[in-house]
Every structure is written in C-alpha cells, then in structure tokens.
Amino acid sequence: MEKGLKAMQSTAKSFVRFAHYAFSAIDSDVMQPNPNN
C-alpha cells in the first residue's frame, strides 16, 4: 500500500513538473510574437 502511494506521489510530481513546463512554454509562445509567422 505504501509503495503504491509513493509511486503515485512520484508520478504526480513528474506530471506537475511536466504540466508546469508545458504551460510555461505555451505562455511564452502566447506572450512573445512569433517571428516565424
């Protein structure tokens, strides 16, 4: 039981990290005008 909980916590942590990175990238794309357009 505890092992599963720890695995879930570590998965949640990496998901949060990924989501934060993805949203940061989206924000910078939206905020910065894209010179390629």
PDB file of N, CA and C in Angstrom:
ATOM      1  N   MET A   1       0.838  -1.202   0.000  1.00  0.00           N
ATOM      2  CA  MET A   1       0.000   0.000   0.000  1.00  0.00           C
ATOM      3  C   MET A   1       0.877   1.258   0.000  1.00  0.00           C
ATOM      4  N   GLU A   2       1.854   1.280   0.893  1.00  0.00           N
ATOM      5  CA  GLU A   2       2.704   2.466   0.973  1.00  0.00           C
ATOM      6  C   GLU A   2       3.519   2.635  -0.307  1.00  0.00           C
ATOM      7  N   LYS A   3       3.951   1.503  -0.877  1.00  0.00           N
ATOM      8  CA  LYS A   3       4.729   1.579  -2.125  1.00  0.00           C
ATOM      9  C   LYS A   3       3.885   2.207  -3.226  1.00  0.00           C
ATOM     10  N   GLY A   4       2.636   1.789  -3.316  1.00  0.00           N
ATOM     11  CA  GLY A   4       1.759   2.344  -4.341  1.00  0.00           C
ATOM     12  C   GLY A   4       1.557   3.836  -4.135  1.00  0.00           C
ATOM     13  N   LEU A   5       1.412   4.230  -2.870  1.00  0.00           N
ATOM     14  CA  LEU A   5       1.218   5.648  -2.572  1.00  0.00           C
ATOM     15  C   LEU A   5       2.445   6.447  -2.990  1.00  0.00           C
ATOM     16  N   LYS A   6       3.619   5.918  -2.680  1.00  0.00           N
ATOM     17  CA  LYS A   6       4.850   6.634  -3.048  1.00  0.00           C
ATOM     18  C   LYS A   6       4.974   6.719  -4.564  1.00  0.00           C
ATOM     19  N   ALA A   7       4.623   5.649  -5.251  1.00  0.00           N
ATOM     20  CA  ALA A   7       4.699   5.663  -6.712  1.00  0.00           C
ATOM     21  C   ALA A   7       3.729   6.704  -7.265  1.00  0.00           C
ATOM     22  N   MET A   8       2.537   6.769  -6.688  1.00  0.00           N
ATOM     23  CA  MET A   8       1.555   7.756  -7.143  1.00  0.00           C
ATOM     24  C   MET A   8       2.063   9.167  -6.901  1.00  0.00           C
ATOM     25  N   GLN A   9       2.684   9.382  -5.732  1.00  0.00           N
ATOM     26  CA  GLN A   9       3.198  10.717  -5.421  1.00  0.00           C
ATOM     27  C   GLN A   9       4.291  11.104  -6.404  1.00  0.00           C
ATOM     28  N   SER A  10       5.180  10.160  -6.706  1.00  0.00           N
ATOM     29  CA  SER A  10       6.285  10.479  -7.615  1.00  0.00           C
ATOM     30  C   SER A  10       5.750  10.709  -9.027  1.00  0.00           C
ATOM     31  N   THR A  11       4.731   9.935  -9.416  1.00  0.00           N
ATOM     32  CA  THR A  11       4.124  10.154 -10.730  1.00  0.00           C
ATOM     33  C   THR A  11       3.454  11.522 -10.778  1.00  0.00           C
ATOM     34  N   ALA A  12       2.749  11.866  -9.697  1.00  0.00           N
ATOM     35  CA  ALA A  12       2.082  13.168  -9.643  1.00  0.00           C
ATOM     36  C   ALA A  12       3.110  14.285  -9.716  1.00  0.00           C
ATOM     37  N   LYS A  13       4.235  14.100  -9.038  1.00  0.00           N
ATOM     38  CA  LYS A  13       5.270  15.141  -9.049  1.00  0.00           C
ATOM     39  C   LYS A  13       5.798  15.349 -10.460  1.00  0.00           C
ATOM     40  N   SER A  14       6.093  14.262 -11.159  1.00  0.00           N
ATOM     41  CA  SER A  14       6.634  14.435 -12.506  1.00  0.00           C
ATOM     42  C   SER A  14       5.558  14.981 -13.444  1.00  0.00           C
ATOM     43  N   PHE A  15       4.304  14.609 -13.212  1.00  0.00           N
ATOM     44  CA  PHE A  15       3.238  15.158 -14.051  1.00  0.00           C
ATOM     45  C   PHE A  15       3.106  16.659 -13.828  1.00  0.00           C
ATOM     46  N   VAL A  16       3.163  17.080 -12.551  1.00  0.00           N
ATOM     47  CA  VAL A  16       3.063  18.507 -12.241  1.00  0.00           C
ATOM     48  C   VAL A  16       4.231  19.252 -12.868  1.00  0.00           C
ATOM     49  N   ARG A  17       5.418  18.639 -12.780  1.00  0.00           N
ATOM     50  CA  ARG A  17       6.600  19.288 -13.361  1.00  0.00           C
ATOM     51  C   ARG A  17       6.418  19.435 -14.872  1.00  0.00           C
ATOM     52  N   PHE A  18       5.917  18.373 -15.511  1.00  0.00           N
ATOM     53  CA  PHE A  18       5.705  18.412 -16.961  1.00  0.00           C
ATOM     54  C   PHE A  18       4.640  19.448 -17.323  1.00  0.00           C
ATOM     55  N   ALA A  19       3.544  19.453 -16.558  1.00  0.00           N
ATOM     56  CA  ALA A  19       2.467  20.399 -16.843  1.00  0.00           C
ATOM     57  C   ALA A  19       2.969  21.831 -16.679  1.00  0.00           C
ATOM     58  N   HIS A  20       3.756  22.070 -15.636  1.00  0.00           N
ATOM     59  CA  HIS A  20       4.296  23.411 -15.402  1.00  0.00           C
ATOM     60  C   HIS A  20       5.185  23.823 -16.571  1.00  0.00           C
ATOM     61  N   TYR A  21       6.013  22.898 -17.039  1.00  0.00           N
ATOM     62  CA  TYR A  21       6.896  23.192 -18.171  1.00  0.00           C
ATOM     63  C   TYR A  21       6.073  23.463 -19.431  1.00  0.00           C
ATOM     64  N   ALA A  22       5.058  22.623 -19.656  1.00  0.00           N
ATOM     65  CA  ALA A  22       4.241  22.781 -20.858  1.00  0.00           C
ATOM     66  C   ALA A  22       3.505  24.119 -20.829  1.00  0.00           C
ATOM     67  N   PHE A  23       2.921  24.453 -19.671  1.00  0.00           N
ATOM     68  CA  PHE A  23       2.185  25.710 -19.591  1.00  0.00           C
ATOM     69  C   PHE A  23       3.124  26.899 -19.718  1.00  0.00           C
ATOM     70  N   SER A  24       4.333  26.784 -19.180  1.00  0.00           N
ATOM     71  CA  SER A  24       5.305  27.869 -19.327  1.00  0.00           C
ATOM     72  C   SER A  24       5.630  28.069 -20.805  1.00  0.00           C
ATOM     73  N   ALA A  25       5.810  26.968 -21.525  1.00  0.00           N
ATOM     74  CA  ALA A  25       6.132  27.063 -22.946  1.00  0.00           C
ATOM     75  C   ALA A  25       4.964  27.693 -23.700  1.00  0.00           C
ATOM     76  N   ILE A  26       3.746  27.289 -23.356  1.00  0.00           N
ATOM     77  CA  ILE A  26       2.565  27.844 -24.022  1.00  0.00           C
ATOM     78  C   ILE A  26       2.468  29.336 -23.722  1.00  0.00           C
ATOM     79  N   ASP A  27       2.680  29.704 -22.445  1.00  0.00           N
ATOM     80  CA  ASP A  27       2.607  31.114 -22.064  1.00  0.00           C
ATOM     81  C   ASP A  27       3.618  31.934 -22.849  1.00  0.00           C
ATOM     82  N   SER A  28       4.845  31.450 -22.940  1.00  0.00           N
ATOM     83  CA  SER A  28       5.867  32.229 -23.641  1.00  0.00           C
ATOM     84  C   SER A  28       5.529  32.307 -25.128  1.00  0.00           C
ATOM     85  N   ASP A  29       4.942  31.242 -25.676  1.00  0.00           N
ATOM     86  CA  ASP A  29       4.542  31.281 -27.089  1.00  0.00           C
ATOM     87  C   ASP A  29       3.450  32.326 -27.298  1.00  0.00           C
ATOM     88  N   VAL A  30       2.513  32.395 -26.355  1.00  0.00           N
ATOM     89  CA  VAL A  30       1.395  33.329 -26.493  1.00  0.00           C
ATOM     90  C   VAL A  30       1.876  34.761 -26.270  1.00  0.00           C
ATOM     91  N   MET A  31       2.755  34.945 -25.293  1.00  0.00           N
ATOM     92  CA  MET A  31       3.190  36.295 -24.936  1.00  0.00           C
ATOM     93  C   MET A  31       4.149  36.871 -25.974  1.00  0.00           C
ATOM     94  N   GLN A  32       5.037  36.036 -26.487  1.00  0.00           N
ATOM     95  CA  GLN A  32       6.035  36.529 -27.438  1.00  0.00           C
ATOM     96  C   GLN A  32       5.491  36.406 -28.857  1.00  0.00           C
ATOM     97  N   PRO A  33       5.524  37.479 -29.623  1.00  0.00           N
ATOM     98  CA  PRO A  33       5.152  37.343 -31.033  1.00  0.00           C
ATOM     99  C   PRO A  33       6.128  36.409 -31.732  1.00  0.00           C
ATOM    100  N   ASN A  34       5.601  35.532 -32.561  1.00  0.00           N
ATOM    101  CA  ASN A  34       6.441  34.530 -33.217  1.00  0.00           C
ATOM    102  C   ASN A  34       7.016  35.105 -34.507  1.00  0.00           C
ATOM    103  N   PRO A  35       8.335  35.242 -34.603  1.00  0.00           N
ATOM    104  CA  PRO A  35       8.932  35.811 -35.821  1.00  0.00           C
ATOM    105  C   PRO A  35       8.735  34.925 -37.049  1.00  0.00           C
ATOM    106  N   ASN A  36       8.416  33.638 -36.840  1.00  0.00           N
ATOM    107  CA  ASN A  36       8.255  32.729 -37.976  1.00  0.00           C
ATOM    108  C   ASN A  36       6.918  32.926 -38.671  1.00  0.00           C
ATOM    109  N   ASN A  37       5.984  33.621 -38.007  1.00  0.00           N
ATOM    110  CA  ASN A  37       4.699  33.861 -38.653  1.00  0.00           C
ATOM    111  C   ASN A  37       4.852  35.034 -39.589  1.00  0.00           C
TER     112      ASN A  37
END
